[in-house]
C-alpha atoms as a PDB file:
ATOM      1  CA  MET A   1     -13.119   2.658 -13.523  1.00  0.00           C
ATOM      2  CA  ALA A   2      -9.807   2.424 -15.383  1.00  0.00           C
ATOM      3  CA  ILE A   3      -8.168   4.833 -12.935  1.00  0.00           C
ATOM      4  CA  ALA A   4      -9.379   2.756  -9.986  1.00  0.00           C
ATOM      5  CA  ALA A   5      -8.029  -0.407 -11.608  1.00  0.00           C
ATOM      6  CA  LEU A   6      -4.674   1.279 -12.229  1.00  0.00           C
ATOM      7  CA  ASP A   7      -4.574   2.490  -8.613  1.00  0.00           C
ATOM      8  CA  ARG A   8      -5.261  -1.058  -7.396  1.00  0.00           C
ATOM      9  CA  PHE A   9      -2.518  -2.432  -9.655  1.00  0.00           C
ATOM     10  CA  ARG A  10       0.020   0.121  -8.428  1.00  0.00           C
ATOM     11  CA  ALA A  11      -0.928  -0.392  -4.789  1.00  0.00           C
ATOM     12  CA  ALA A  12      -0.638  -4.168  -5.111  1.00  0.00           C
ATOM     13  CA  ARG A  13       2.731  -3.783  -6.792  1.00  0.00           C
ATOM     14  CA  ASP A  14       3.999  -1.297  -4.194  1.00  0.00           C
ATOM     15  CA  ALA A  15       2.824  -2.894  -0.957  1.00  0.00           C
ATOM     16  CA  THR A  16       1.638  -6.355  -0.131  1.00  0.00           C
ATOM     17  CA  VAL A  17       1.116  -7.899   3.266  1.00  0.00           C
ATOM     18  CA  LEU A  18       1.938 -11.567   3.605  1.00  0.00           C
ATOM     19  CA  PRO A  19       0.341 -13.875   6.163  1.00  0.00           C
ATOM     20  CA  ASP A  20       2.792 -15.444   8.629  1.00  0.00           C
ATOM     21  CA  SER A  21       2.837 -18.718   6.716  1.00  0.00           C
ATOM     22  CA  ALA A  22       3.487 -16.991   3.390  1.00  0.00           C
ATOM     23  CA  ALA A  23       6.524 -14.943   4.438  1.00  0.00           C
ATOM     24  CA  PRO A  24       9.346 -15.425   1.946  1.00  0.00           C
ATOM     25  CA  LYS A  25      12.545 -17.073   3.085  1.00  0.00           C
ATOM     26  CA  GLN A  26      15.497 -14.781   3.699  1.00  0.00           C
ATOM     27  CA  GLU A  27      17.282 -16.080   0.572  1.00  0.00           C
ATOM     28  CA  ASN A  28      14.344 -14.981  -1.598  1.00  0.00           C
ATOM     29  CA  VAL A  29      14.297 -11.531  -0.019  1.00  0.00           C
ATOM     30  CA  ASN A  30      17.972 -10.977  -0.847  1.00  0.00           C
ATOM     31  CA  GLU A  31      17.452 -12.123  -4.440  1.00  0.00           C
ATOM     32  CA  ASN A  32      14.503  -9.850  -5.045  1.00  0.00           C
ATOM     33  CA  SER A  33      15.904  -6.354  -5.559  1.00  0.00           C
ATOM     34  CA  ALA A  34      12.385  -4.888  -5.646  1.00  0.00           C
ATOM     35  CA  LEU A  35      12.155  -5.393  -1.884  1.00  0.00           C
ATOM     36  CA  ASP A  36      15.286  -3.290  -1.395  1.00  0.00           C
ATOM     37  CA  GLN A  37      13.273  -0.126  -2.047  1.00  0.00           C
ATOM     38  CA  PHE A  38      11.351  -0.582   1.215  1.00  0.00           C
ATOM     39  CA  HIS A  39      12.859   0.512   4.511  1.00  0.00           C
ATOM     40  CA  VAL A  40      11.656   1.732   7.889  1.00  0.00           C
ATOM     41  CA  GLY A  41       9.992   5.107   7.390  1.00  0.00           C
ATOM     42  CA  THR A  42       8.865   4.491   3.787  1.00  0.00           C
ATOM     43  CA  VAL A  43       5.278   5.631   3.133  1.00  0.00           C
ATOM     44  CA  VAL A  44       3.271   3.108   1.091  1.00  0.00           C
ATOM     45  CA  VAL A  45      -0.291   2.645  -0.156  1.00  0.00           C
ATOM     46  CA  TYR A  46      -1.864  -0.570   1.136  1.00  0.00           C
ATOM     47  CA  ARG A  47      -5.111  -2.087  -0.093  1.00  0.00           C
ATOM     48  CA  PRO A  48      -6.425  -4.860   2.155  1.00  0.00           C
ATOM     49  CA  PRO A  49      -7.261  -8.032   0.184  1.00  0.00           C
ATOM     50  CA  GLY A  50     -10.852  -7.950  -1.090  1.00  0.00           C
ATOM     51  CA  ASP A  51     -11.249  -4.292  -0.112  1.00  0.00           C
ATOM     52  CA  GLN A  52     -11.389  -1.217  -2.341  1.00  0.00           C
ATOM     53  CA  ARG A  53      -9.991   1.164   0.275  1.00  0.00           C
ATOM     54  CA  ALA A  54      -6.498   2.548  -0.117  1.00  0.00           C
ATOM     55  CA  LEU A  55      -4.718   3.178   3.167  1.00  0.00           C
ATOM     56  CA  THR A  56      -1.645   5.370   3.368  1.00  0.00           C
ATOM     57  CA  CYS A  57       0.731   3.742   5.833  1.00  0.00           C
ATOM     58  CA  LYS A  58       4.290   4.111   7.065  1.00  0.00           C
ATOM     59  CA  ILE A  59       6.590   1.114   7.515  1.00  0.00           C
ATOM     60  CA  GLU A  60       7.489   0.975  11.210  1.00  0.00           C
ATOM     61  CA  LYS A  61       9.364  -2.357  11.299  1.00  0.00           C
ATOM     62  CA  ILE A  62      10.681  -4.884   8.782  1.00  0.00           C
ATOM     63  CA  GLU A  63      11.284  -8.507   9.805  1.00  0.00           C
ATOM     64  CA  ASP A  64      11.561 -11.734   7.815  1.00  0.00           C
ATOM     65  CA  GLY A  65      10.417 -10.184   4.546  1.00  0.00           C
ATOM     66  CA  ARG A  66       7.349  -8.561   6.118  1.00  0.00           C
ATOM     67  CA  ALA A  67       6.565  -4.949   7.002  1.00  0.00           C
ATOM     68  CA  TYR A  68       4.670  -3.692  10.058  1.00  0.00           C
ATOM     69  CA  LEU A  69       2.446  -0.865   8.778  1.00  0.00           C
ATOM     70  CA  VAL A  70       1.035   2.051  10.765  1.00  0.00           C
ATOM     71  CA  PRO A  71      -1.703   4.212   9.196  1.00  0.00           C
ATOM     72  CA  VAL A  72      -0.706   7.798   8.412  1.00  0.00           C
ATOM     73  CA  PRO A  73      -3.273  10.305   9.717  1.00  0.00           C
ATOM     74  CA  HIS A  74      -5.454  11.831   7.015  1.00  0.00           C
ATOM     75  CA  ARG A  75      -4.804  15.433   6.066  1.00  0.00           C
ATOM     76  CA  PRO A  76      -7.825  17.569   5.264  1.00  0.00           C
ATOM     77  CA  ILE A  77      -8.033  18.469   1.582  1.00  0.00           C
ATOM     78  CA  GLY A  78     -10.070  21.636   2.051  1.00  0.00           C
ATOM     79  CA  TRP A  79     -12.577  23.307  -0.223  1.00  0.00           C
ATOM     80  CA  VAL A  80     -12.781  22.050  -3.801  1.00  0.00           C
ATOM     81  CA  SER A  81     -15.083  22.895  -6.696  1.00  0.00           C
ATOM     82  CA  LEU A  82     -18.046  20.534  -7.055  1.00  0.00           C
ATOM     83  CA  GLY A  83     -17.251  20.432 -10.774  1.00  0.00           C
ATOM     84  CA  SER A  84     -13.999  18.603 -10.013  1.00  0.00           C
ATOM     85  CA  LEU A  85     -15.774  15.748  -8.202  1.00  0.00           C
ATOM     86  CA  GLU A  86     -17.177  12.524  -9.639  1.00  0.00           C
ATOM     87  CA  PRO A  87     -19.852  10.441  -7.898  1.00  0.00           C
ATOM     88  CA  LEU A  88     -18.831   6.944  -6.846  1.00  0.00           C
ATOM     89  CA  GLU A  89     -20.857   4.359  -8.732  1.00  0.00           C
ATOM     90  CA  ALA A  90     -21.741   1.286  -6.707  1.00  0.00           C
END
């Protein structure tokens, strides 16, 4: 549970999608140096609001303080030991 909460915190910190009406003004984008780390081609983890999924996406476009994300295809993990797995508790 703690790992999932930490993953959600990191994902929220690393990538957020803003609705059209909530896009920051250009002045705010320039003042916030944290946004400078994102550029076209950056791979981010996005968690849709209210959802527990984590989607790996690549930034395809950046406009007005928002990023257009495209899902990155999943890579197969392969065979793993059953002892290294934990059941998901609902």
